[in-house]
Amino acid sequence: MRRCTVPLDRVFLVLIAAFPAGPWGTNCYVAATGPGTECVVIDPGKDAASGVAEIVREQRLKPVAVLLTHGHVDHMWSVTPVSKTYDATAWIHPSDRHLLADPLAGISPESAQMLLGMPPGTYDFVEPDDVRELSDEASIDLAGMSFRIDHAPGHTEGSVTFRTPYPDHAEVSDVLFSGDLLFAGSIGRTDLPGGDHATMLQSLTTKVLPLADDIVVLPGHGEQTSIGRERATNPFLQDLITT
């Protein structure tokens, strides 16, 4: 298990723990204002439940919400067990909500067979008991933190990002949980059901490029980065800037 390297020199004004879960190495995040408080779980994928439990136990946390950046199975496999264990509310954009009960609709049958190792129908998925829907440019207050939601389709129709202020730190204004919209040096794929490359480029143009350089980006896969770094080095963003 690893911790994000977002500077934490203010004695847990914000605590963010992260670990890659499952065969796809999907980053699962646990965010809180400090030890012994309520927390939010973001994108609990396959095999993430035990990692969440370890962080919750170590930091004496109480999960109250599970936020999903999108409905792909590698990001939401454990949403129902995590939500049920802690009586937490699950949040997802309405355009991806159908994937909670049928996540294989977001990938091809061939990919399902290859990735899951078993034929469709072997795994049963159900919605959590308490599901609420996210809307574009809304803010939700959870566990003592405020999250700005931006609908950023392209990877899936219901992809969103979550942005929360990082208080009292001169070098970091916000933390952005980007899901599979933006990675260090790359962007999300658009060749799966519900994906669209032109829509992805529009989301990057309207939802990413206007952001401040000092925002730390915590992506769905791979290492953390920043808006400034990606603006300067990410070839996909550079193409958008120069066109």
C-alpha atoms as a PDB file:
ATOM      1  CA  MET A   1       0.000   0.000   0.000  1.00  0.00           C
ATOM      2  CA  ARG A   2       1.223   3.509  -0.722  1.00  0.00           C
ATOM      3  CA  ARG A   3       0.269   6.985   0.329  1.00  0.00           C
ATOM      4  CA  CYS A   4      -0.180   9.901  -2.049  1.00  0.00           C
ATOM      5  CA  THR A   5       2.648  12.390  -1.894  1.00  0.00           C
ATOM      6  CA  VAL A   6       0.332  15.381  -1.627  1.00  0.00           C
ATOM      7  CA  PRO A   7       2.165  17.446   1.046  1.00  0.00           C
ATOM      8  CA  LEU A   8       0.733  16.715   4.486  1.00  0.00           C
ATOM      9  CA  ASP A   9       2.799  19.078   6.630  1.00  0.00           C
ATOM     10  CA  ARG A  10      -0.180  20.534   8.471  1.00  0.00           C
ATOM     11  CA  VAL A  11      -0.871  17.523  10.704  1.00  0.00           C
ATOM     12  CA  PHE A  12      -3.750  15.927   8.859  1.00  0.00           C
ATOM     13  CA  LEU A  13      -5.676  18.969   7.724  1.00  0.00           C
ATOM     14  CA  VAL A  14      -6.390  16.609   4.854  1.00  0.00           C
ATOM     15  CA  LEU A  15      -5.527  12.919   4.816  1.00  0.00           C
ATOM     16  CA  ILE A  16      -5.430  11.095   1.488  1.00  0.00           C
ATOM     17  CA  ALA A  17      -4.443   7.442   1.354  1.00  0.00           C
ATOM     18  CA  ALA A  18      -4.148   5.575  -1.945  1.00  0.00           C
ATOM     19  CA  PHE A  19      -3.435   2.087  -3.197  1.00  0.00           C
ATOM     20  CA  PRO A  20      -3.653   0.314  -6.578  1.00  0.00           C
ATOM     21  CA  ALA A  21      -6.274  -2.425  -6.443  1.00  0.00           C
ATOM     22  CA  GLY A  22      -6.886  -5.545  -8.486  1.00  0.00           C
ATOM     23  CA  PRO A  23      -5.478  -6.811 -11.777  1.00  0.00           C
ATOM     24  CA  TRP A  24      -5.964  -3.432 -13.476  1.00  0.00           C
ATOM     25  CA  GLY A  25      -4.043  -1.499 -10.818  1.00  0.00           C
ATOM     26  CA  THR A  26      -6.905   0.935 -10.343  1.00  0.00           C
ATOM     27  CA  ASN A  27      -6.145   3.634  -7.805  1.00  0.00           C
ATOM     28  CA  CYS A  28      -8.535   3.604  -4.860  1.00  0.00           C
ATOM     29  CA  TYR A  29      -8.451   6.683  -2.645  1.00  0.00           C
ATOM     30  CA  VAL A  30      -9.611   7.318   0.915  1.00  0.00           C
ATOM     31  CA  ALA A  31      -9.943  11.012   1.812  1.00  0.00           C
ATOM     32  CA  ALA A  32     -10.604  12.534   5.231  1.00  0.00           C
ATOM     33  CA  THR A  33      -9.937  15.681   7.211  1.00  0.00           C
ATOM     34  CA  GLY A  34      -7.787  13.655   9.614  1.00  0.00           C
ATOM     35  CA  PRO A  35      -7.590  10.493  11.723  1.00  0.00           C
ATOM     36  CA  GLY A  36     -10.635   9.538  13.732  1.00  0.00           C
ATOM     37  CA  THR A  37     -13.066  11.300  11.391  1.00  0.00           C
ATOM     38  CA  GLU A  38     -15.560  10.469   8.671  1.00  0.00           C
ATOM     39  CA  CYS A  39     -14.086   9.739   5.242  1.00  0.00           C
ATOM     40  CA  VAL A  40     -14.916   9.289   1.582  1.00  0.00           C
ATOM     41  CA  VAL A  41     -13.835   6.316  -0.562  1.00  0.00           C
ATOM     42  CA  ILE A  42     -13.199   7.006  -4.253  1.00  0.00           C
ATOM     43  CA  ASP A  43     -13.254   4.278  -6.932  1.00  0.00           C
ATOM     44  CA  PRO A  44     -13.073   0.984  -5.004  1.00  0.00           C
ATOM     45  CA  GLY A  45     -12.233  -1.516  -7.741  1.00  0.00           C
ATOM     46  CA  LYS A  46     -11.610  -5.238  -7.635  1.00  0.00           C
ATOM     47  CA  ASP A  47      -9.935  -6.409  -4.415  1.00  0.00           C
ATOM     48  CA  ALA A  48     -10.176  -2.882  -2.948  1.00  0.00           C
ATOM     49  CA  ALA A  49     -12.368  -3.743   0.045  1.00  0.00           C
ATOM     50  CA  SER A  50      -9.491  -5.129   2.121  1.00  0.00           C
ATOM     51  CA  GLY A  51      -7.313  -2.091   1.393  1.00  0.00           C
ATOM     52  CA  VAL A  52     -10.107   0.244   2.413  1.00  0.00           C
ATOM     53  CA  ALA A  53     -10.613  -1.753   5.617  1.00  0.00           C
ATOM     54  CA  GLU A  54      -6.911  -1.497   6.462  1.00  0.00           C
ATOM     55  CA  ILE A  55      -6.848   2.297   6.060  1.00  0.00           C
ATOM     56  CA  VAL A  56     -10.106   2.678   7.990  1.00  0.00           C
ATOM     57  CA  ARG A  57      -8.707   0.600  10.822  1.00  0.00           C
ATOM     58  CA  GLU A  58      -5.298   2.307  10.900  1.00  0.00           C
ATOM     59  CA  GLN A  59      -6.739   5.833  10.845  1.00  0.00           C
ATOM     60  CA  ARG A  60      -9.914   5.100  12.849  1.00  0.00           C
ATOM     61  CA  LEU A  61     -12.121   6.385  10.037  1.00  0.00           C
ATOM     62  CA  LYS A  62     -15.821   6.094   9.263  1.00  0.00           C
ATOM     63  CA  PRO A  63     -16.681   5.894   5.531  1.00  0.00           C
ATOM     64  CA  VAL A  64     -19.870   7.813   4.804  1.00  0.00           C
ATOM     65  CA  ALA A  65     -19.757   7.919   0.989  1.00  0.00           C
ATOM     66  CA  VAL A  66     -18.313   6.108  -2.005  1.00  0.00           C
ATOM     67  CA  LEU A  67     -17.670   8.367  -5.005  1.00  0.00           C
ATOM     68  CA  LEU A  68     -17.345   6.841  -8.472  1.00  0.00           C
ATOM     69  CA  THR A  69     -15.602   8.729 -11.260  1.00  0.00           C
ATOM     70  CA  HIS A  70     -17.333   6.432 -13.750  1.00  0.00           C
ATOM     71  CA  GLY A  71     -19.019   3.053 -14.040  1.00  0.00           C
ATOM     72  CA  HIS A  72     -16.297   0.832 -15.489  1.00  0.00           C
ATOM     73  CA  VAL A  73     -15.937  -2.415 -13.584  1.00  0.00           C
ATOM     74  CA  ASP A  74     -12.313  -1.784 -12.631  1.00  0.00           C
ATOM     75  CA  HIS A  75     -13.425   1.324 -10.710  1.00  0.00           C
ATOM     76  CA  MET A  76     -16.660   0.096  -9.097  1.00  0.00           C
ATOM     77  CA  TRP A  77     -16.244  -3.655  -8.530  1.00  0.00           C
ATOM     78  CA  SER A  78     -16.288  -3.248  -4.728  1.00  0.00           C
ATOM     79  CA  VAL A  79     -18.755  -0.358  -4.459  1.00  0.00           C
ATOM     80  CA  THR A  80     -21.592  -2.496  -3.117  1.00  0.00           C
ATOM     81  CA  PRO A  81     -19.596  -4.431  -0.489  1.00  0.00           C
ATOM     82  CA  VAL A  82     -17.843  -1.262   0.706  1.00  0.00           C
ATOM     83  CA  SER A  83     -21.111   0.680   0.838  1.00  0.00           C
ATOM     84  CA  LYS A  84     -22.837  -2.151   2.673  1.00  0.00           C
ATOM     85  CA  THR A  85     -20.049  -2.707   5.195  1.00  0.00           C
ATOM     86  CA  TYR A  86     -20.009   0.920   6.328  1.00  0.00           C
ATOM     87  CA  ASP A  87     -23.600   1.928   5.524  1.00  0.00           C
ATOM     88  CA  ALA A  88     -22.186   4.473   3.075  1.00  0.00           C
ATOM     89  CA  THR A  89     -23.974   6.236   0.230  1.00  0.00           C
ATOM     90  CA  ALA A  90     -22.768   5.577  -3.328  1.00  0.00           C
ATOM     91  CA  TRP A  91     -22.578   8.510  -5.756  1.00  0.00           C
ATOM     92  CA  ILE A  92     -22.460   8.165  -9.559  1.00  0.00           C
ATOM     93  CA  HIS A  93     -23.498  10.172 -12.616  1.00  0.00           C
ATOM     94  CA  PRO A  94     -26.900   9.085 -13.974  1.00  0.00           C
ATOM     95  CA  SER A  95     -25.462   8.277 -17.420  1.00  0.00           C
ATOM     96  CA  ASP A  96     -23.319   5.525 -15.867  1.00  0.00           C
ATOM     97  CA  ARG A  97     -25.741   4.331 -13.202  1.00  0.00           C
ATOM     98  CA  HIS A  98     -26.886   1.350 -15.257  1.00  0.00           C
ATOM     99  CA  LEU A  99     -23.341  -0.022 -15.044  1.00  0.00           C
ATOM    100  CA  LEU A 100     -23.678  -0.591 -11.296  1.00  0.00           C
ATOM    101  CA  ALA A 101     -25.909  -3.570 -11.968  1.00  0.00           C
ATOM    102  CA  ASP A 102     -24.499  -4.438 -15.399  1.00  0.00           C
ATOM    103  CA  PRO A 103     -20.848  -3.333 -15.536  1.00  0.00           C
ATOM    104  CA  LEU A 104     -20.050  -5.699 -18.390  1.00  0.00           C
ATOM    105  CA  ALA A 105     -22.162  -3.440 -20.618  1.00  0.00           C
ATOM    106  CA  GLY A 106     -19.214  -1.052 -20.468  1.00  0.00           C
ATOM    107  CA  ILE A 107     -16.777  -3.474 -22.076  1.00  0.00           C
ATOM    108  CA  SER A 108     -16.917  -5.864 -24.999  1.00  0.00           C
ATOM    109  CA  PRO A 109     -17.835  -9.549 -24.445  1.00  0.00           C
ATOM    110  CA  GLU A 110     -14.317 -10.515 -25.529  1.00  0.00           C
ATOM    111  CA  SER A 111     -12.808  -8.127 -23.005  1.00  0.00           C
ATOM    112  CA  ALA A 112     -15.117  -9.424 -20.289  1.00  0.00           C
ATOM    113  CA  GLN A 113     -13.983 -12.974 -20.946  1.00  0.00           C
ATOM    114  CA  MET A 114     -10.323 -11.965 -20.973  1.00  0.00           C
ATOM    115  CA  LEU A 115     -10.370  -9.563 -18.028  1.00  0.00           C
ATOM    116  CA  LEU A 116     -12.639 -11.483 -15.696  1.00  0.00           C
ATOM    117  CA  GLY A 117     -11.409 -14.939 -16.624  1.00  0.00           C
ATOM    118  CA  MET A 118     -14.970 -16.264 -16.651  1.00  0.00           C
ATOM    119  CA  PRO A 119     -17.883 -15.978 -19.082  1.00  0.00           C
ATOM    120  CA  PRO A 120     -20.580 -13.308 -18.693  1.00  0.00           C
ATOM    121  CA  GLY A 121     -23.183 -14.316 -16.117  1.00  0.00           C
ATOM    122  CA  THR A 122     -20.649 -15.759 -13.707  1.00  0.00           C
ATOM    123  CA  TYR A 123     -20.528 -12.579 -11.636  1.00  0.00           C
ATOM    124  CA  ASP A 124     -23.636 -10.987 -10.139  1.00  0.00           C
ATOM    125  CA  PHE A 125     -23.598  -7.240  -9.547  1.00  0.00           C
ATOM    126  CA  VAL A 126     -26.288  -5.251  -7.748  1.00  0.00           C
ATOM    127  CA  GLU A 127     -26.683  -1.582  -6.887  1.00  0.00           C
ATOM    128  CA  PRO A 128     -25.828  -0.487  -3.348  1.00  0.00           C
ATOM    129  CA  ASP A 129     -28.834   0.139  -1.121  1.00  0.00           C
ATOM    130  CA  ASP A 130     -28.364   3.913  -1.202  1.00  0.00           C
ATOM    131  CA  VAL A 131     -27.384   5.450  -4.563  1.00  0.00           C
ATOM    132  CA  ARG A 132     -27.453   9.157  -5.336  1.00  0.00           C
ATOM    133  CA  GLU A 133     -26.782  10.827  -8.656  1.00  0.00           C
ATOM    134  CA  LEU A 134     -24.172  13.451  -9.461  1.00  0.00           C
ATOM    135  CA  SER A 135     -24.799  16.515 -11.606  1.00  0.00           C
ATOM    136  CA  ASP A 136     -22.448  18.782 -13.519  1.00  0.00           C
ATOM    137  CA  GLU A 137     -20.973  21.781 -11.686  1.00  0.00           C
ATOM    138  CA  ALA A 138     -22.651  20.783  -8.417  1.00  0.00           C
ATOM    139  CA  SER A 139     -20.925  20.711  -5.056  1.00  0.00           C
ATOM    140  CA  ILE A 140     -21.538  18.117  -2.371  1.00  0.00           C
ATOM    141  CA  ASP A 141     -20.396  18.319   1.239  1.00  0.00           C
ATOM    142  CA  LEU A 142     -19.219  15.003   2.642  1.00  0.00           C
ATOM    143  CA  ALA A 143     -17.112  14.076   5.682  1.00  0.00           C
ATOM    144  CA  GLY A 144     -16.229  17.704   6.336  1.00  0.00           C
ATOM    145  CA  MET A 145     -14.997  18.272   2.774  1.00  0.00           C
ATOM    146  CA  SER A 146     -16.576  19.965  -0.236  1.00  0.00           C
ATOM    147  CA  PHE A 147     -16.343  18.256  -3.621  1.00  0.00           C
ATOM    148  CA  ARG A 148     -16.942  20.068  -6.907  1.00  0.00           C
ATOM    149  CA  ILE A 149     -18.321  17.716  -9.577  1.00  0.00           C
ATOM    150  CA  ASP A 150     -17.535  18.221 -13.240  1.00  0.00           C
ATOM    151  CA  HIS A 151     -19.214  16.007 -15.802  1.00  0.00           C
ATOM    152  CA  ALA A 152     -16.438  15.085 -18.242  1.00  0.00           C
ATOM    153  CA  PRO A 153     -17.728  12.495 -20.727  1.00  0.00           C
ATOM    154  CA  GLY A 154     -15.611  10.839 -23.383  1.00  0.00           C
ATOM    155  CA  HIS A 155     -14.171   7.840 -21.580  1.00  0.00           C
ATOM    156  CA  THR A 156     -17.737   6.930 -20.596  1.00  0.00           C
ATOM    157  CA  GLU A 157     -20.929   8.914 -20.970  1.00  0.00           C
ATOM    158  CA  GLY A 158     -21.099   9.487 -17.213  1.00  0.00           C
ATOM    159  CA  SER A 159     -17.458  10.178 -16.388  1.00  0.00           C
ATOM    160  CA  VAL A 160     -16.919  12.877 -13.774  1.00  0.00           C
ATOM    161  CA  THR A 161     -14.072  14.433 -11.828  1.00  0.00           C
ATOM    162  CA  PHE A 162     -14.063  15.414  -8.163  1.00  0.00           C
ATOM    163  CA  ARG A 163     -12.187  18.498  -7.002  1.00  0.00           C
ATOM    164  CA  THR A 164     -11.722  19.496  -3.382  1.00  0.00           C
ATOM    165  CA  PRO A 165      -9.755  22.372  -1.825  1.00  0.00           C
ATOM    166  CA  TYR A 166      -6.484  21.571  -0.113  1.00  0.00           C
ATOM    167  CA  PRO A 167      -6.623  24.062   2.768  1.00  0.00           C
ATOM    168  CA  ASP A 168      -3.845  26.285   4.002  1.00  0.00           C
ATOM    169  CA  HIS A 169      -1.101  25.045   1.703  1.00  0.00           C
ATOM    170  CA  ALA A 170       0.678  27.612  -0.414  1.00  0.00           C
ATOM    171  CA  GLU A 171       1.831  25.189  -3.104  1.00  0.00           C
ATOM    172  CA  VAL A 172      -1.430  23.274  -3.703  1.00  0.00           C
ATOM    173  CA  SER A 173      -4.828  24.924  -4.130  1.00  0.00           C
ATOM    174  CA  ASP A 174      -6.992  21.882  -4.935  1.00  0.00           C
ATOM    175  CA  VAL A 175      -6.803  18.135  -5.358  1.00  0.00           C
ATOM    176  CA  LEU A 176      -8.458  16.698  -8.477  1.00  0.00           C
ATOM    177  CA  PHE A 177      -9.578  13.066  -8.618  1.00  0.00           C
ATOM    178  CA  SER A 178      -9.546  12.715 -12.394  1.00  0.00           C
ATOM    179  CA  GLY A 179     -10.633   9.094 -12.871  1.00  0.00           C
ATOM    180  CA  ASP A 180      -9.784   7.996 -16.410  1.00  0.00           C
ATOM    181  CA  LEU A 181     -10.073  11.471 -17.925  1.00  0.00           C
ATOM    182  CA  LEU A 182      -6.456  12.528 -17.376  1.00  0.00           C
ATOM    183  CA  PHE A 183      -3.304  10.570 -16.523  1.00  0.00           C
ATOM    184  CA  ALA A 184       0.328  11.527 -16.126  1.00  0.00           C
ATOM    185  CA  GLY A 185       1.382  11.924 -19.767  1.00  0.00           C
ATOM    186  CA  SER A 186      -1.805  10.511 -21.264  1.00  0.00           C
ATOM    187  CA  ILE A 187      -5.616  10.505 -21.316  1.00  0.00           C
ATOM    188  CA  GLY A 188      -8.313   7.862 -21.039  1.00  0.00           C
ATOM    189  CA  ARG A 189      -9.163   5.479 -23.841  1.00  0.00           C
ATOM    190  CA  THR A 190     -12.315   6.062 -25.882  1.00  0.00           C
ATOM    191  CA  ASP A 191     -12.723   2.790 -27.768  1.00  0.00           C
ATOM    192  CA  LEU A 192     -15.012   1.061 -25.245  1.00  0.00           C
ATOM    193  CA  PRO A 193     -18.842   1.202 -25.287  1.00  0.00           C
ATOM    194  CA  GLY A 194     -19.933   4.716 -24.359  1.00  0.00           C
ATOM    195  CA  GLY A 195     -16.571   6.234 -25.273  1.00  0.00           C
ATOM    196  CA  ASP A 196     -16.127   8.990 -27.827  1.00  0.00           C
ATOM    197  CA  HIS A 197     -12.837  10.645 -28.737  1.00  0.00           C
ATOM    198  CA  ALA A 198     -14.262  13.980 -29.860  1.00  0.00           C
ATOM    199  CA  THR A 199     -16.243  14.217 -26.631  1.00  0.00           C
ATOM    200  CA  MET A 200     -13.122  13.376 -24.643  1.00  0.00           C
ATOM    201  CA  LEU A 201     -11.215  16.224 -26.307  1.00  0.00           C
ATOM    202  CA  GLN A 202     -14.083  18.590 -25.537  1.00  0.00           C
ATOM    203  CA  SER A 203     -14.032  17.545 -21.878  1.00  0.00           C
ATOM    204  CA  LEU A 204     -10.280  18.111 -21.691  1.00  0.00           C
ATOM    205  CA  THR A 205     -10.693  21.529 -23.300  1.00  0.00           C
ATOM    206  CA  THR A 206     -13.511  22.731 -21.063  1.00  0.00           C
ATOM    207  CA  LYS A 207     -12.867  20.889 -17.792  1.00  0.00           C
ATOM    208  CA  VAL A 208      -9.064  20.493 -17.578  1.00  0.00           C
ATOM    209  CA  LEU A 209      -7.318  23.275 -19.465  1.00  0.00           C
ATOM    210  CA  PRO A 210      -9.012  26.111 -17.511  1.00  0.00           C
ATOM    211  CA  LEU A 211      -7.745  24.723 -14.175  1.00  0.00           C
ATOM    212  CA  ALA A 212      -4.880  26.260 -12.212  1.00  0.00           C
ATOM    213  CA  ASP A 213      -1.392  24.809 -12.646  1.00  0.00           C
ATOM    214  CA  ASP A 214      -0.957  24.089  -8.923  1.00  0.00           C
ATOM    215  CA  ILE A 215      -3.836  21.619  -8.750  1.00  0.00           C
ATOM    216  CA  VAL A 216      -2.617  18.123  -7.885  1.00  0.00           C
ATOM    217  CA  VAL A 217      -4.122  15.412 -10.113  1.00  0.00           C
ATOM    218  CA  LEU A 218      -4.845  12.014  -8.585  1.00  0.00           C
ATOM    219  CA  PRO A 219      -5.716   9.785 -11.566  1.00  0.00           C
ATOM    220  CA  GLY A 220      -7.497   6.474 -11.850  1.00  0.00           C
ATOM    221  CA  HIS A 221      -4.294   4.708 -12.856  1.00  0.00           C
ATOM    222  CA  GLY A 222      -0.622   5.477 -12.434  1.00  0.00           C
ATOM    223  CA  GLU A 223       1.200   8.166 -10.529  1.00  0.00           C
ATOM    224  CA  GLN A 224      -0.067  11.542  -9.399  1.00  0.00           C
ATOM    225  CA  THR A 225       0.753  14.637 -11.408  1.00  0.00           C
ATOM    226  CA  SER A 226      -0.349  18.280 -11.624  1.00  0.00           C
ATOM    227  CA  ILE A 227      -2.278  20.404 -14.075  1.00  0.00           C
ATOM    228  CA  GLY A 228       0.831  22.498 -14.726  1.00  0.00           C
ATOM    229  CA  ARG A 229       2.963  19.483 -15.498  1.00  0.00           C
ATOM    230  CA  GLU A 230       0.381  18.038 -17.854  1.00  0.00           C
ATOM    231  CA  ARG A 231      -0.190  21.360 -19.570  1.00  0.00           C
ATOM    232  CA  ALA A 232       3.556  21.537 -20.260  1.00  0.00           C
ATOM    233  CA  THR A 233       4.290  17.908 -21.159  1.00  0.00           C
ATOM    234  CA  ASN A 234       1.142  15.931 -21.979  1.00  0.00           C
ATOM    235  CA  PRO A 235       1.022  15.602 -25.795  1.00  0.00           C
ATOM    236  CA  PHE A 236      -2.774  15.382 -25.847  1.00  0.00           C
ATOM    237  CA  LEU A 237      -3.168  18.647 -23.955  1.00  0.00           C
ATOM    238  CA  GLN A 238      -0.442  20.313 -25.981  1.00  0.00           C
ATOM    239  CA  ASP A 239      -2.278  19.450 -29.187  1.00  0.00           C
ATOM    240  CA  LEU A 240      -5.396  21.104 -27.804  1.00  0.00           C
ATOM    241  CA  ILE A 241      -3.480  24.203 -26.780  1.00  0.00           C
ATOM    242  CA  THR A 242      -1.859  24.655 -30.188  1.00  0.00           C
ATOM    243  CA  THR A 243      -5.004  24.035 -32.262  1.00  0.00           C
END
